[in-house]
N, C-alpha and C. Protein backbone atom coordinates (compact mmCIF):
# COMPACT_ATOMS: atom_id res chain seq x y z
N UNK A 1 286.97 122.50 293.44
CA UNK A 1 288.26 122.02 292.97
C UNK A 1 288.50 122.51 291.56
N UNK A 2 289.73 122.78 291.22
CA UNK A 2 290.07 123.29 289.91
C UNK A 2 290.83 122.22 289.14
N UNK A 3 290.34 121.93 287.94
CA UNK A 3 290.86 120.82 287.17
C UNK A 3 291.60 121.30 285.93
N UNK A 4 292.11 120.31 285.18
CA UNK A 4 292.70 120.58 283.88
C UNK A 4 291.62 120.88 282.87
N UNK A 5 291.99 121.57 281.81
CA UNK A 5 291.10 121.76 280.67
C UNK A 5 291.04 120.43 279.93
N UNK A 6 290.01 119.62 280.23
CA UNK A 6 290.01 118.22 279.82
C UNK A 6 290.13 118.04 278.32
N UNK A 7 289.43 118.85 277.55
CA UNK A 7 289.50 118.70 276.10
C UNK A 7 290.91 118.91 275.59
N UNK A 8 291.59 119.88 276.17
CA UNK A 8 292.98 120.11 275.79
C UNK A 8 293.85 118.97 276.26
N UNK A 9 293.59 118.52 277.47
CA UNK A 9 294.45 117.51 278.07
C UNK A 9 294.49 116.25 277.24
N UNK A 10 293.35 115.82 276.72
CA UNK A 10 293.32 114.60 275.93
C UNK A 10 294.21 114.70 274.71
N UNK A 11 294.29 115.88 274.13
CA UNK A 11 295.11 116.09 272.95
C UNK A 11 296.56 116.38 273.31
N UNK A 12 296.77 116.88 274.53
CA UNK A 12 298.09 117.40 274.87
C UNK A 12 298.99 116.44 275.60
N UNK A 13 298.44 115.45 276.26
CA UNK A 13 299.25 114.62 277.14
C UNK A 13 300.42 113.97 276.41
N UNK A 14 300.24 113.64 275.15
CA UNK A 14 301.33 113.00 274.42
C UNK A 14 302.44 113.99 274.07
N UNK A 15 302.11 115.27 274.05
CA UNK A 15 303.09 116.27 273.61
C UNK A 15 303.64 117.12 274.72
N UNK A 16 302.91 117.22 275.84
CA UNK A 16 303.31 118.15 276.90
C UNK A 16 303.89 117.41 278.08
N UNK A 17 305.05 117.85 278.52
CA UNK A 17 305.65 117.37 279.76
C UNK A 17 306.42 118.53 280.31
N UNK A 18 307.53 118.27 280.98
CA UNK A 18 308.37 119.39 281.41
C UNK A 18 309.08 119.99 280.21
N UNK A 19 308.93 119.36 279.03
CA UNK A 19 309.61 119.91 277.87
C UNK A 19 308.93 119.57 276.57
N UNK A 20 307.57 119.53 276.52
CA UNK A 20 306.88 119.22 275.28
C UNK A 20 306.56 120.46 274.50
N UNK A 21 306.33 120.31 273.19
CA UNK A 21 306.00 121.48 272.38
C UNK A 21 304.49 121.71 272.41
N UNK A 22 304.05 122.84 271.91
CA UNK A 22 302.63 123.16 271.86
C UNK A 22 302.10 122.84 270.48
N UNK A 23 301.03 122.08 270.43
CA UNK A 23 300.46 121.68 269.16
C UNK A 23 299.35 122.64 268.77
N UNK A 24 299.28 123.08 267.50
CA UNK A 24 298.25 124.04 267.09
C UNK A 24 296.84 123.53 267.31
N UNK A 25 296.63 122.20 267.27
CA UNK A 25 295.28 121.65 267.42
C UNK A 25 294.73 121.96 268.79
N UNK A 26 295.48 121.56 269.85
CA UNK A 26 294.91 121.82 271.17
C UNK A 26 295.07 123.27 271.58
N UNK A 27 295.96 124.00 270.90
CA UNK A 27 295.99 125.44 271.13
C UNK A 27 294.67 126.05 270.68
N UNK A 28 294.14 125.58 269.57
CA UNK A 28 292.86 126.07 269.08
C UNK A 28 291.73 125.70 270.03
N UNK A 29 291.78 124.47 270.57
CA UNK A 29 290.78 124.06 271.55
C UNK A 29 290.84 124.96 272.77
N UNK A 30 292.08 125.28 273.20
CA UNK A 30 292.24 126.18 274.34
C UNK A 30 291.63 127.53 274.07
N UNK A 31 291.83 128.05 272.86
CA UNK A 31 291.24 129.33 272.51
C UNK A 31 289.73 129.28 272.56
N UNK A 32 289.16 128.17 272.07
CA UNK A 32 287.71 128.02 272.09
C UNK A 32 287.18 127.97 273.52
N UNK A 33 287.90 127.27 274.40
CA UNK A 33 287.48 127.20 275.80
C UNK A 33 287.54 128.58 276.45
N UNK A 34 288.60 129.32 276.16
CA UNK A 34 288.71 130.65 276.73
C UNK A 34 287.57 131.55 276.26
N UNK A 35 287.25 131.46 274.97
CA UNK A 35 286.16 132.27 274.45
C UNK A 35 284.83 131.84 275.07
N UNK A 36 284.63 130.53 275.23
CA UNK A 36 283.37 130.02 275.76
C UNK A 36 283.13 130.47 277.19
N UNK A 37 284.20 130.59 277.96
CA UNK A 37 284.06 131.00 279.36
C UNK A 37 284.13 132.52 279.52
N UNK A 38 284.32 133.23 278.42
CA UNK A 38 284.41 134.69 278.50
C UNK A 38 285.74 135.19 278.99
N UNK A 39 286.75 134.32 279.01
CA UNK A 39 288.07 134.70 279.50
C UNK A 39 288.97 134.98 278.33
N UNK A 40 289.58 136.15 278.32
CA UNK A 40 290.47 136.53 277.23
C UNK A 40 291.74 137.13 277.80
N UNK A 41 292.71 137.34 276.91
CA UNK A 41 293.91 138.06 277.33
C UNK A 41 293.52 139.45 277.78
N UNK A 42 294.26 139.98 278.75
CA UNK A 42 293.88 141.27 279.32
C UNK A 42 295.03 142.23 279.30
N UNK A 43 294.72 143.49 279.55
CA UNK A 43 295.73 144.51 279.63
C UNK A 43 296.43 144.49 280.96
N UNK A 44 297.39 145.40 281.14
CA UNK A 44 298.17 145.43 282.37
C UNK A 44 297.31 145.72 283.59
N UNK A 45 297.83 145.34 284.75
CA UNK A 45 297.14 145.59 286.01
C UNK A 45 295.90 144.76 286.13
N UNK A 46 294.86 145.31 286.74
CA UNK A 46 293.64 144.57 286.98
C UNK A 46 292.56 144.90 285.96
N UNK A 47 292.81 145.81 285.06
CA UNK A 47 291.78 146.22 284.14
C UNK A 47 291.92 145.59 282.78
N UNK A 48 291.07 146.06 281.83
CA UNK A 48 291.11 145.54 280.48
C UNK A 48 292.11 146.29 279.64
N UNK A 49 292.17 145.90 278.35
CA UNK A 49 293.11 146.53 277.44
C UNK A 49 293.92 145.49 276.74
N UNK A 50 294.97 145.89 276.06
CA UNK A 50 295.84 144.93 275.39
C UNK A 50 295.06 144.14 274.37
N UNK A 51 295.08 142.80 274.50
CA UNK A 51 294.40 141.94 273.55
C UNK A 51 292.94 141.74 273.87
N UNK A 52 292.41 142.41 274.87
CA UNK A 52 291.04 142.20 275.28
C UNK A 52 290.13 143.23 274.63
N UNK A 53 288.95 142.79 274.09
CA UNK A 53 288.05 143.73 273.46
C UNK A 53 287.61 144.82 274.43
N UNK A 54 287.38 146.02 273.89
CA UNK A 54 286.96 147.15 274.72
C UNK A 54 285.67 146.78 275.46
N UNK A 55 285.62 147.13 276.75
CA UNK A 55 284.43 146.85 277.53
C UNK A 55 284.47 145.51 278.24
N UNK A 56 285.37 144.62 277.85
CA UNK A 56 285.50 143.32 278.50
C UNK A 56 286.57 143.42 279.58
N UNK A 57 286.41 142.64 280.63
CA UNK A 57 287.36 142.68 281.73
C UNK A 57 287.39 141.32 282.39
N UNK A 58 288.58 140.84 282.66
CA UNK A 58 288.71 139.59 283.38
C UNK A 58 288.21 139.78 284.80
N UNK A 59 287.33 138.90 285.25
CA UNK A 59 286.75 139.01 286.59
C UNK A 59 286.95 137.71 287.35
N UNK A 60 286.86 137.81 288.67
CA UNK A 60 286.93 136.61 289.49
C UNK A 60 285.75 135.70 289.20
N UNK A 61 284.60 136.29 288.89
CA UNK A 61 283.42 135.48 288.58
C UNK A 61 283.64 134.62 287.34
N UNK A 62 284.28 135.19 286.32
CA UNK A 62 284.51 134.42 285.10
C UNK A 62 285.53 133.31 285.34
N UNK A 63 286.52 133.58 286.19
CA UNK A 63 287.50 132.55 286.53
C UNK A 63 286.82 131.41 287.28
N UNK A 64 286.01 131.75 288.29
CA UNK A 64 285.33 130.73 289.08
C UNK A 64 284.36 129.92 288.22
N UNK A 65 283.67 130.61 287.32
CA UNK A 65 282.68 129.92 286.48
C UNK A 65 283.32 128.91 285.55
N UNK A 66 284.56 129.12 285.17
CA UNK A 66 285.22 128.21 284.24
C UNK A 66 285.50 126.85 284.87
N UNK A 67 285.73 126.81 286.19
CA UNK A 67 286.06 125.56 286.85
C UNK A 67 287.43 125.01 286.49
N UNK A 68 288.30 125.86 285.92
CA UNK A 68 289.59 125.41 285.42
C UNK A 68 290.74 126.10 286.15
N UNK A 69 291.84 125.38 286.27
CA UNK A 69 293.07 125.98 286.78
C UNK A 69 293.68 126.84 285.69
N UNK A 70 294.20 128.01 286.06
CA UNK A 70 294.75 128.89 285.03
C UNK A 70 295.74 129.88 285.62
N UNK A 71 296.58 130.40 284.75
CA UNK A 71 297.56 131.43 285.10
C UNK A 71 297.47 132.54 284.08
N UNK A 72 298.13 133.66 284.36
CA UNK A 72 298.34 134.68 283.35
C UNK A 72 299.82 135.03 283.36
N UNK A 73 300.34 135.36 282.18
CA UNK A 73 301.77 135.64 282.06
C UNK A 73 301.98 136.95 281.31
N UNK A 74 303.14 137.52 281.53
CA UNK A 74 303.56 138.72 280.79
C UNK A 74 305.08 138.69 280.70
N UNK A 75 305.60 138.96 279.51
CA UNK A 75 307.05 138.99 279.31
C UNK A 75 307.54 140.42 279.47
N UNK A 76 308.42 140.64 280.44
CA UNK A 76 308.99 141.97 280.64
C UNK A 76 307.92 143.01 280.91
N UNK A 77 307.99 144.11 280.18
CA UNK A 77 307.07 145.22 280.41
C UNK A 77 305.99 145.29 279.35
N UNK A 78 305.63 144.16 278.75
CA UNK A 78 304.54 144.15 277.78
C UNK A 78 303.27 144.72 278.41
N UNK A 79 302.43 145.31 277.58
CA UNK A 79 301.24 145.98 278.10
C UNK A 79 300.23 144.98 278.65
N UNK A 80 300.05 143.86 277.97
CA UNK A 80 298.98 142.94 278.33
C UNK A 80 299.47 141.62 278.85
N UNK A 81 298.56 140.91 279.53
CA UNK A 81 298.81 139.55 279.98
C UNK A 81 298.18 138.57 278.99
N UNK A 82 298.73 137.36 278.94
CA UNK A 82 298.11 136.25 278.24
C UNK A 82 297.59 135.25 279.25
N UNK A 83 296.39 134.77 279.03
CA UNK A 83 295.78 133.78 279.91
C UNK A 83 296.13 132.39 279.42
N UNK A 84 296.46 131.50 280.34
CA UNK A 84 296.80 130.11 280.01
C UNK A 84 296.01 129.16 280.89
N UNK A 85 295.50 128.10 280.27
CA UNK A 85 294.78 127.06 281.00
C UNK A 85 295.70 125.89 281.30
N UNK A 86 295.56 125.32 282.49
CA UNK A 86 296.30 124.10 282.81
C UNK A 86 295.77 122.97 281.94
N UNK A 87 296.66 122.29 281.22
CA UNK A 87 296.22 121.32 280.22
C UNK A 87 296.78 119.93 280.42
N UNK A 88 297.93 119.79 281.07
CA UNK A 88 298.54 118.47 281.21
C UNK A 88 299.39 118.44 282.47
N UNK A 89 299.31 117.31 283.18
CA UNK A 89 300.09 117.13 284.39
C UNK A 89 300.96 115.89 284.24
N UNK A 90 302.25 116.04 284.50
CA UNK A 90 303.20 114.94 284.40
C UNK A 90 304.03 114.94 285.69
N UNK A 91 303.62 114.13 286.67
CA UNK A 91 304.27 114.18 287.97
C UNK A 91 304.07 115.55 288.59
N UNK A 92 305.15 116.22 289.01
CA UNK A 92 305.00 117.54 289.62
C UNK A 92 304.87 118.67 288.60
N UNK A 93 304.99 118.34 287.31
CA UNK A 93 305.00 119.37 286.27
C UNK A 93 303.58 119.62 285.75
N UNK A 94 303.17 120.87 285.75
CA UNK A 94 301.85 121.26 285.26
C UNK A 94 302.03 122.23 284.10
N UNK A 95 301.57 121.83 282.92
CA UNK A 95 301.74 122.63 281.72
C UNK A 95 300.47 123.42 281.42
N UNK A 96 300.64 124.70 281.14
CA UNK A 96 299.55 125.60 280.80
C UNK A 96 299.73 126.05 279.35
N UNK A 97 298.62 126.17 278.63
CA UNK A 97 298.68 126.58 277.23
C UNK A 97 297.76 127.77 276.97
N UNK A 98 298.13 128.58 275.98
CA UNK A 98 297.31 129.71 275.56
C UNK A 98 296.81 129.46 274.15
N UNK A 99 295.88 130.30 273.70
CA UNK A 99 295.37 130.17 272.34
C UNK A 99 296.38 130.66 271.32
N UNK A 100 297.51 131.19 271.77
CA UNK A 100 298.54 131.68 270.86
C UNK A 100 299.67 130.68 270.67
N UNK A 101 299.41 129.40 270.96
CA UNK A 101 300.41 128.33 270.81
C UNK A 101 301.62 128.57 271.70
N UNK A 102 301.38 129.12 272.86
CA UNK A 102 302.42 129.29 273.87
C UNK A 102 302.16 128.30 275.00
N UNK A 103 303.22 127.93 275.70
CA UNK A 103 303.03 127.11 276.90
C UNK A 103 304.04 127.49 277.96
N UNK A 104 303.63 127.32 279.20
CA UNK A 104 304.49 127.51 280.37
C UNK A 104 304.28 126.32 281.29
N UNK A 105 305.38 125.69 281.69
CA UNK A 105 305.31 124.56 282.61
C UNK A 105 305.83 124.99 283.97
N UNK A 106 305.07 124.65 285.01
CA UNK A 106 305.43 124.98 286.38
C UNK A 106 305.66 123.71 287.19
N UNK A 107 306.64 123.77 288.07
CA UNK A 107 306.81 122.77 289.13
C UNK A 107 306.58 123.52 290.43
N UNK A 108 305.39 123.40 291.00
CA UNK A 108 305.01 124.28 292.10
C UNK A 108 304.88 125.69 291.57
N UNK A 109 305.69 126.62 292.09
CA UNK A 109 305.66 127.99 291.59
C UNK A 109 306.80 128.34 290.67
N UNK A 110 307.64 127.34 290.32
CA UNK A 110 308.84 127.61 289.54
C UNK A 110 308.63 127.28 288.07
N UNK A 111 309.00 128.19 287.18
CA UNK A 111 308.90 127.97 285.74
C UNK A 111 310.02 127.04 285.30
N UNK A 112 309.64 125.88 284.75
CA UNK A 112 310.62 124.89 284.31
C UNK A 112 310.63 124.67 282.81
N UNK A 113 309.75 125.35 282.08
CA UNK A 113 309.75 125.20 280.63
C UNK A 113 308.86 126.25 279.99
N UNK A 114 309.25 126.71 278.80
CA UNK A 114 308.42 127.62 278.01
C UNK A 114 308.49 127.21 276.55
N UNK A 115 307.41 127.48 275.82
CA UNK A 115 307.38 127.28 274.37
C UNK A 115 306.61 128.43 273.75
N UNK A 116 307.11 128.92 272.62
CA UNK A 116 306.39 129.91 271.84
C UNK A 116 306.45 131.33 272.39
N UNK A 117 307.25 131.56 273.43
CA UNK A 117 307.37 132.89 274.01
C UNK A 117 308.56 133.63 273.44
N UNK A 118 309.52 132.88 272.95
CA UNK A 118 310.75 133.43 272.41
C UNK A 118 311.78 132.33 272.38
N UNK A 119 312.93 132.57 272.96
CA UNK A 119 313.96 131.54 273.05
C UNK A 119 313.52 130.52 274.10
N UNK A 120 313.16 129.31 273.65
CA UNK A 120 312.53 128.33 274.52
C UNK A 120 313.43 127.91 275.68
N UNK A 121 312.82 127.78 276.84
CA UNK A 121 313.44 127.09 277.97
C UNK A 121 312.99 125.64 277.87
N UNK A 122 313.91 124.74 277.52
CA UNK A 122 313.54 123.36 277.24
C UNK A 122 313.14 122.61 278.51
N UNK A 123 313.90 122.78 279.58
CA UNK A 123 313.59 122.14 280.85
C UNK A 123 314.44 122.78 281.94
N UNK A 124 314.13 122.46 283.18
CA UNK A 124 314.90 122.98 284.31
C UNK A 124 314.75 122.04 285.49
N UNK A 125 315.82 121.89 286.25
CA UNK A 125 315.80 121.07 287.46
C UNK A 125 316.44 121.85 288.60
N UNK A 126 316.14 121.43 289.82
CA UNK A 126 316.72 122.11 290.99
C UNK A 126 316.85 121.14 292.14
N UNK A 127 317.47 121.59 293.21
CA UNK A 127 317.69 120.78 294.40
C UNK A 127 316.36 120.34 295.03
N UNK A 128 316.40 119.23 295.77
CA UNK A 128 315.19 118.72 296.40
C UNK A 128 314.61 119.69 297.41
N UNK A 129 315.46 120.49 298.03
CA UNK A 129 314.98 121.43 299.06
C UNK A 129 314.56 122.78 298.49
N UNK A 130 314.36 122.86 297.19
CA UNK A 130 313.92 124.10 296.55
C UNK A 130 312.55 124.49 297.09
N UNK A 131 312.42 125.59 297.83
CA UNK A 131 311.12 125.93 298.43
C UNK A 131 310.08 126.38 297.41
N UNK A 132 310.52 126.81 296.23
CA UNK A 132 309.59 127.31 295.22
C UNK A 132 308.76 126.16 294.64
N UNK A 133 309.27 124.94 294.71
CA UNK A 133 308.59 123.79 294.12
C UNK A 133 307.50 123.23 295.03
N UNK A 134 307.61 123.48 296.32
CA UNK A 134 306.65 122.90 297.25
C UNK A 134 306.16 123.93 298.23
N UNK A 135 305.28 123.51 299.11
CA UNK A 135 304.73 124.43 300.09
C UNK A 135 305.59 124.40 301.35
N UNK A 136 306.65 125.18 301.33
CA UNK A 136 307.53 125.33 302.49
C UNK A 136 307.20 126.66 303.16
N UNK A 137 306.91 126.68 304.46
CA UNK A 137 306.58 127.93 305.14
C UNK A 137 307.65 129.00 304.90
N UNK A 138 307.23 130.24 304.73
CA UNK A 138 308.19 131.29 304.38
C UNK A 138 309.30 131.48 305.41
N UNK A 139 309.05 131.10 306.66
CA UNK A 139 310.08 131.23 307.67
C UNK A 139 311.28 130.35 307.44
N UNK A 140 311.15 129.36 306.55
CA UNK A 140 312.24 128.43 306.27
C UNK A 140 312.99 128.74 304.98
N UNK A 141 312.50 129.69 304.21
CA UNK A 141 313.07 129.92 302.87
C UNK A 141 314.51 130.40 302.93
N UNK A 142 314.82 131.32 303.82
CA UNK A 142 316.15 131.91 303.81
C UNK A 142 317.24 130.90 304.17
N UNK A 143 316.87 129.81 304.82
CA UNK A 143 317.86 128.79 305.20
C UNK A 143 318.22 127.87 304.05
N UNK A 144 317.49 127.97 302.94
CA UNK A 144 317.70 127.05 301.82
C UNK A 144 318.74 127.59 300.84
N UNK A 145 319.75 126.80 300.56
CA UNK A 145 320.73 127.08 299.52
C UNK A 145 320.57 125.99 298.46
N UNK A 146 320.30 126.40 297.24
CA UNK A 146 319.94 125.41 296.23
C UNK A 146 320.74 125.62 294.95
N UNK A 147 320.69 124.60 294.10
CA UNK A 147 321.26 124.66 292.76
C UNK A 147 320.13 124.58 291.74
N UNK A 148 320.27 125.33 290.67
CA UNK A 148 319.33 125.26 289.55
C UNK A 148 320.12 124.97 288.28
N UNK A 149 319.50 124.21 287.39
CA UNK A 149 320.08 123.96 286.07
C UNK A 149 319.00 124.16 285.01
N UNK A 150 319.31 125.02 284.05
CA UNK A 150 318.39 125.33 282.95
C UNK A 150 318.95 124.77 281.65
N UNK A 151 318.07 124.24 280.82
CA UNK A 151 318.49 123.71 279.52
C UNK A 151 317.82 124.50 278.39
N UNK A 152 318.64 124.96 277.45
CA UNK A 152 318.17 125.72 276.30
C UNK A 152 318.61 125.03 275.02
N UNK A 153 317.99 125.37 273.88
CA UNK A 153 318.45 124.81 272.61
C UNK A 153 319.91 125.18 272.37
N UNK A 154 320.64 124.27 271.74
CA UNK A 154 322.05 124.51 271.45
C UNK A 154 322.59 123.43 270.54
N UNK A 155 323.86 123.50 270.26
CA UNK A 155 324.50 122.52 269.40
C UNK A 155 324.59 121.19 270.13
N UNK A 156 324.16 120.11 269.46
CA UNK A 156 324.23 118.79 270.07
C UNK A 156 322.96 118.45 270.83
N UNK A 157 322.77 117.16 271.13
CA UNK A 157 321.54 116.71 271.77
C UNK A 157 321.35 117.25 273.19
N UNK A 158 322.43 117.59 273.86
CA UNK A 158 322.32 118.08 275.24
C UNK A 158 321.93 119.54 275.31
N UNK A 159 321.98 120.25 274.17
CA UNK A 159 321.66 121.67 274.17
C UNK A 159 322.66 122.47 274.98
N UNK A 160 322.22 123.59 275.47
CA UNK A 160 323.08 124.45 276.30
C UNK A 160 322.53 124.47 277.72
N UNK A 161 323.37 124.18 278.69
CA UNK A 161 322.95 124.12 280.08
C UNK A 161 323.58 125.27 280.88
N UNK A 162 322.76 125.85 281.73
CA UNK A 162 323.21 126.93 282.60
C UNK A 162 323.00 126.48 284.04
N UNK A 163 324.07 126.45 284.83
CA UNK A 163 324.00 126.04 286.24
C UNK A 163 324.28 127.24 287.14
N UNK A 164 323.45 127.38 288.17
CA UNK A 164 323.60 128.50 289.10
C UNK A 164 323.36 128.03 290.53
N UNK A 165 323.96 128.73 291.48
CA UNK A 165 323.71 128.53 292.91
C UNK A 165 322.84 129.69 293.40
N UNK A 166 321.82 129.36 294.19
CA UNK A 166 320.82 130.36 294.53
C UNK A 166 320.55 130.42 296.04
N UNK A 167 320.21 131.61 296.51
CA UNK A 167 319.82 131.82 297.90
C UNK A 167 318.65 132.80 297.95
N UNK A 168 317.95 132.81 299.08
CA UNK A 168 316.72 133.59 299.21
C UNK A 168 316.85 134.62 300.33
N UNK A 169 316.23 135.78 300.11
CA UNK A 169 316.19 136.82 301.12
C UNK A 169 314.78 137.37 301.23
N UNK A 170 314.23 137.36 302.45
CA UNK A 170 312.91 137.93 302.69
C UNK A 170 313.01 139.45 302.68
N UNK A 171 312.13 140.11 301.95
CA UNK A 171 312.21 141.56 301.80
C UNK A 171 311.16 142.28 302.65
N UNK A 172 309.90 142.09 302.33
CA UNK A 172 308.85 142.77 303.06
C UNK A 172 307.57 141.95 303.01
N UNK A 173 306.62 142.31 303.86
CA UNK A 173 305.32 141.67 303.89
C UNK A 173 304.27 142.65 303.39
N UNK A 174 303.25 142.12 302.76
CA UNK A 174 302.19 142.98 302.26
C UNK A 174 301.10 142.17 301.60
N UNK A 175 300.11 142.89 301.13
CA UNK A 175 298.97 142.26 300.48
C UNK A 175 299.05 142.50 298.98
N UNK A 176 298.84 141.44 298.22
CA UNK A 176 298.74 141.58 296.77
C UNK A 176 297.33 141.19 296.35
N UNK A 177 296.88 141.74 295.24
CA UNK A 177 295.56 141.41 294.70
C UNK A 177 295.73 140.91 293.28
N UNK A 178 295.16 139.74 293.02
CA UNK A 178 295.18 139.14 291.69
C UNK A 178 293.74 138.91 291.26
N UNK A 179 293.26 139.75 290.38
CA UNK A 179 291.89 139.68 289.88
C UNK A 179 290.90 139.52 291.03
N UNK A 180 290.79 140.54 291.83
CA UNK A 180 289.76 140.67 292.86
C UNK A 180 289.93 139.71 294.04
N UNK A 181 291.04 139.04 294.15
CA UNK A 181 291.30 138.18 295.30
C UNK A 181 292.63 138.60 295.91
N UNK A 182 292.63 138.83 297.23
CA UNK A 182 293.82 139.34 297.90
C UNK A 182 294.51 138.25 298.72
N UNK A 183 295.84 138.38 298.82
CA UNK A 183 296.65 137.42 299.55
C UNK A 183 297.65 138.18 300.42
N UNK A 184 297.82 137.72 301.66
CA UNK A 184 298.88 138.24 302.52
C UNK A 184 300.15 137.47 302.21
N UNK A 185 301.20 138.17 301.81
CA UNK A 185 302.39 137.49 301.31
C UNK A 185 303.67 138.08 301.88
N UNK A 186 304.72 137.30 301.77
CA UNK A 186 306.09 137.76 301.99
C UNK A 186 306.77 137.80 300.63
N UNK A 187 307.45 138.90 300.34
CA UNK A 187 308.17 139.01 299.07
C UNK A 187 309.61 138.53 299.27
N UNK A 188 309.99 137.55 298.45
CA UNK A 188 311.35 137.02 298.50
C UNK A 188 312.10 137.39 297.23
N UNK A 189 313.37 137.74 297.38
CA UNK A 189 314.28 137.89 296.26
C UNK A 189 315.22 136.70 296.27
N UNK A 190 315.28 136.01 295.15
CA UNK A 190 316.22 134.90 294.99
C UNK A 190 317.37 135.38 294.10
N UNK A 191 318.58 135.28 294.59
CA UNK A 191 319.76 135.65 293.81
C UNK A 191 320.48 134.40 293.37
N UNK A 192 320.70 134.28 292.06
CA UNK A 192 321.34 133.10 291.47
C UNK A 192 322.62 133.53 290.76
N UNK A 193 323.69 132.80 291.02
CA UNK A 193 324.99 133.14 290.44
C UNK A 193 325.63 131.89 289.84
N UNK A 194 326.20 132.07 288.65
CA UNK A 194 326.92 130.99 287.98
C UNK A 194 328.10 131.54 287.21
N UNK A 195 328.78 130.66 286.51
CA UNK A 195 329.94 131.10 285.74
C UNK A 195 329.55 132.02 284.59
N UNK A 196 328.35 131.79 284.02
CA UNK A 196 327.93 132.53 282.84
C UNK A 196 327.07 133.74 283.14
N UNK A 197 326.34 133.71 284.27
CA UNK A 197 325.31 134.73 284.46
C UNK A 197 324.95 134.86 285.93
N UNK A 198 324.46 136.04 286.29
CA UNK A 198 323.86 136.29 287.60
C UNK A 198 322.50 136.93 287.37
N UNK A 199 321.49 136.47 288.09
CA UNK A 199 320.15 137.04 287.92
C UNK A 199 319.38 136.91 289.23
N UNK A 200 318.22 137.58 289.28
CA UNK A 200 317.35 137.50 290.45
C UNK A 200 315.93 137.14 290.04
N UNK A 201 315.27 136.38 290.89
CA UNK A 201 313.85 136.08 290.76
C UNK A 201 313.12 136.67 291.96
N UNK A 202 311.85 137.00 291.76
CA UNK A 202 311.01 137.53 292.83
C UNK A 202 309.79 136.64 293.01
N UNK A 203 309.47 136.34 294.27
CA UNK A 203 308.31 135.50 294.58
C UNK A 203 307.48 136.15 295.69
N UNK A 204 306.17 136.10 295.54
CA UNK A 204 305.24 136.53 296.58
C UNK A 204 304.60 135.27 297.17
N UNK A 205 304.88 135.00 298.44
CA UNK A 205 304.60 133.71 299.06
C UNK A 205 303.64 133.89 300.23
N UNK A 206 302.57 133.08 300.29
CA UNK A 206 301.65 133.18 301.42
C UNK A 206 302.16 132.37 302.61
N UNK A 207 301.39 132.35 303.69
CA UNK A 207 301.84 131.72 304.92
C UNK A 207 302.04 130.23 304.83
N UNK A 208 301.42 129.58 303.85
CA UNK A 208 301.60 128.13 303.67
C UNK A 208 302.79 127.81 302.78
N UNK A 209 303.32 128.83 302.11
CA UNK A 209 304.42 128.60 301.20
C UNK A 209 304.04 128.57 299.74
N UNK A 210 302.78 128.88 299.43
CA UNK A 210 302.34 128.90 298.03
C UNK A 210 302.78 130.19 297.36
N UNK A 211 303.31 130.06 296.14
CA UNK A 211 303.72 131.22 295.34
C UNK A 211 302.55 131.66 294.48
N UNK A 212 302.06 132.87 294.69
CA UNK A 212 300.93 133.38 293.92
C UNK A 212 301.35 134.31 292.79
N UNK A 213 302.45 134.97 292.97
CA UNK A 213 302.93 135.90 291.94
C UNK A 213 304.45 135.80 291.90
N UNK A 214 305.01 135.87 290.71
CA UNK A 214 306.47 135.79 290.59
C UNK A 214 306.95 136.50 289.34
N UNK A 215 308.22 136.84 289.36
CA UNK A 215 308.94 137.34 288.17
C UNK A 215 310.20 136.51 288.08
N UNK A 216 310.33 135.75 286.98
CA UNK A 216 311.38 134.74 286.91
C UNK A 216 312.22 134.85 285.64
N UNK A 217 313.48 134.50 285.80
CA UNK A 217 314.42 134.43 284.68
C UNK A 217 314.09 133.20 283.84
N UNK A 218 313.97 133.40 282.52
CA UNK A 218 313.70 132.28 281.62
C UNK A 218 314.72 132.22 280.48
N UNK A 219 315.83 132.92 280.63
CA UNK A 219 316.87 132.89 279.61
C UNK A 219 317.46 134.27 279.40
N UNK A 220 318.69 134.29 278.92
CA UNK A 220 319.41 135.56 278.74
C UNK A 220 318.94 136.34 277.53
N UNK A 221 318.15 135.72 276.64
CA UNK A 221 317.69 136.41 275.44
C UNK A 221 316.33 137.08 275.64
N UNK A 222 315.70 136.88 276.78
CA UNK A 222 314.36 137.41 277.01
C UNK A 222 314.30 138.19 278.32
N UNK A 223 313.36 139.15 278.41
CA UNK A 223 313.10 139.77 279.71
C UNK A 223 312.53 138.72 280.66
N UNK A 224 312.47 139.03 281.95
CA UNK A 224 311.88 138.07 282.89
C UNK A 224 310.39 137.86 282.62
N UNK A 225 309.90 136.73 283.10
CA UNK A 225 308.50 136.35 282.90
C UNK A 225 307.71 136.59 284.18
N UNK A 226 306.65 137.38 284.08
CA UNK A 226 305.72 137.57 285.20
C UNK A 226 304.66 136.47 285.15
N UNK A 227 304.41 135.84 286.28
CA UNK A 227 303.40 134.78 286.37
C UNK A 227 302.49 135.08 287.56
N UNK A 228 301.19 135.13 287.31
CA UNK A 228 300.18 135.20 288.36
C UNK A 228 299.37 133.91 288.34
N UNK A 229 299.15 133.32 289.50
CA UNK A 229 298.28 132.16 289.60
C UNK A 229 296.85 132.67 289.75
N UNK A 230 296.05 132.51 288.72
CA UNK A 230 294.66 132.96 288.78
C UNK A 230 293.80 131.96 289.54
N UNK A 231 294.03 130.68 289.29
CA UNK A 231 293.33 129.61 290.01
C UNK A 231 294.24 128.40 290.01
N UNK A 232 294.64 127.91 291.18
CA UNK A 232 295.59 126.79 291.23
C UNK A 232 294.92 125.47 290.87
N UNK A 233 295.73 124.54 290.43
CA UNK A 233 295.26 123.18 290.17
C UNK A 233 295.12 122.46 291.50
N UNK A 234 293.91 121.97 291.79
CA UNK A 234 293.66 121.27 293.05
C UNK A 234 293.04 119.90 292.85
N UNK A 235 292.80 119.51 291.60
CA UNK A 235 292.12 118.26 291.33
C UNK A 235 293.08 117.11 291.16
N UNK A 236 292.50 115.94 290.91
CA UNK A 236 293.28 114.74 290.66
C UNK A 236 293.17 114.31 289.21
N UNK A 237 292.55 115.14 288.39
CA UNK A 237 292.40 114.81 286.98
C UNK A 237 292.54 116.07 286.13
């Protein structure tokens, strides 16, 4: 079973939710945990590079040895990925933090909040039938029509809200590999349209409906965010 980074969690629970900020204290703890387990930020693809020391490489063995739930992220076409540990759970929201004082919050496979990556996504909500939030078999995705609402910083306490209507289209089937582990997936394109903006998200979904890889819109000021699930959260603590 894969759990939260407990040391981080104790410090983070008061600050992290679907819209909490990242505190430098537990960010430092997260960095120490990553160093202790031999897990560091990595270069593009499956190899080393970027922020990772020469000769070091993220491996499935190092992920398994950590015993922690984790993801890796990349903004747009950046060369390297950043590794994030799951640190706090608030209902369906699971917040991951990096040693760089960044955080990404997921509801299932959907990004509902970011901090420290650029223009923050404060929070996001969607329809109950949103297949990205739960394990809905891929054969049911195209029948779902949903609404999404994103909240960004803005004038006034409500900030700036962006509402869109979204639909899903199955594209192709294939195998993806995420750090030495392969998954048979269906690739879905989600098209979202609103008064202010139109954008697309991409999801790689296995037969149970789990999203293992995605590229998601996180705001009009930033490139899309790539998210790989390195090890999912499966524990109760």
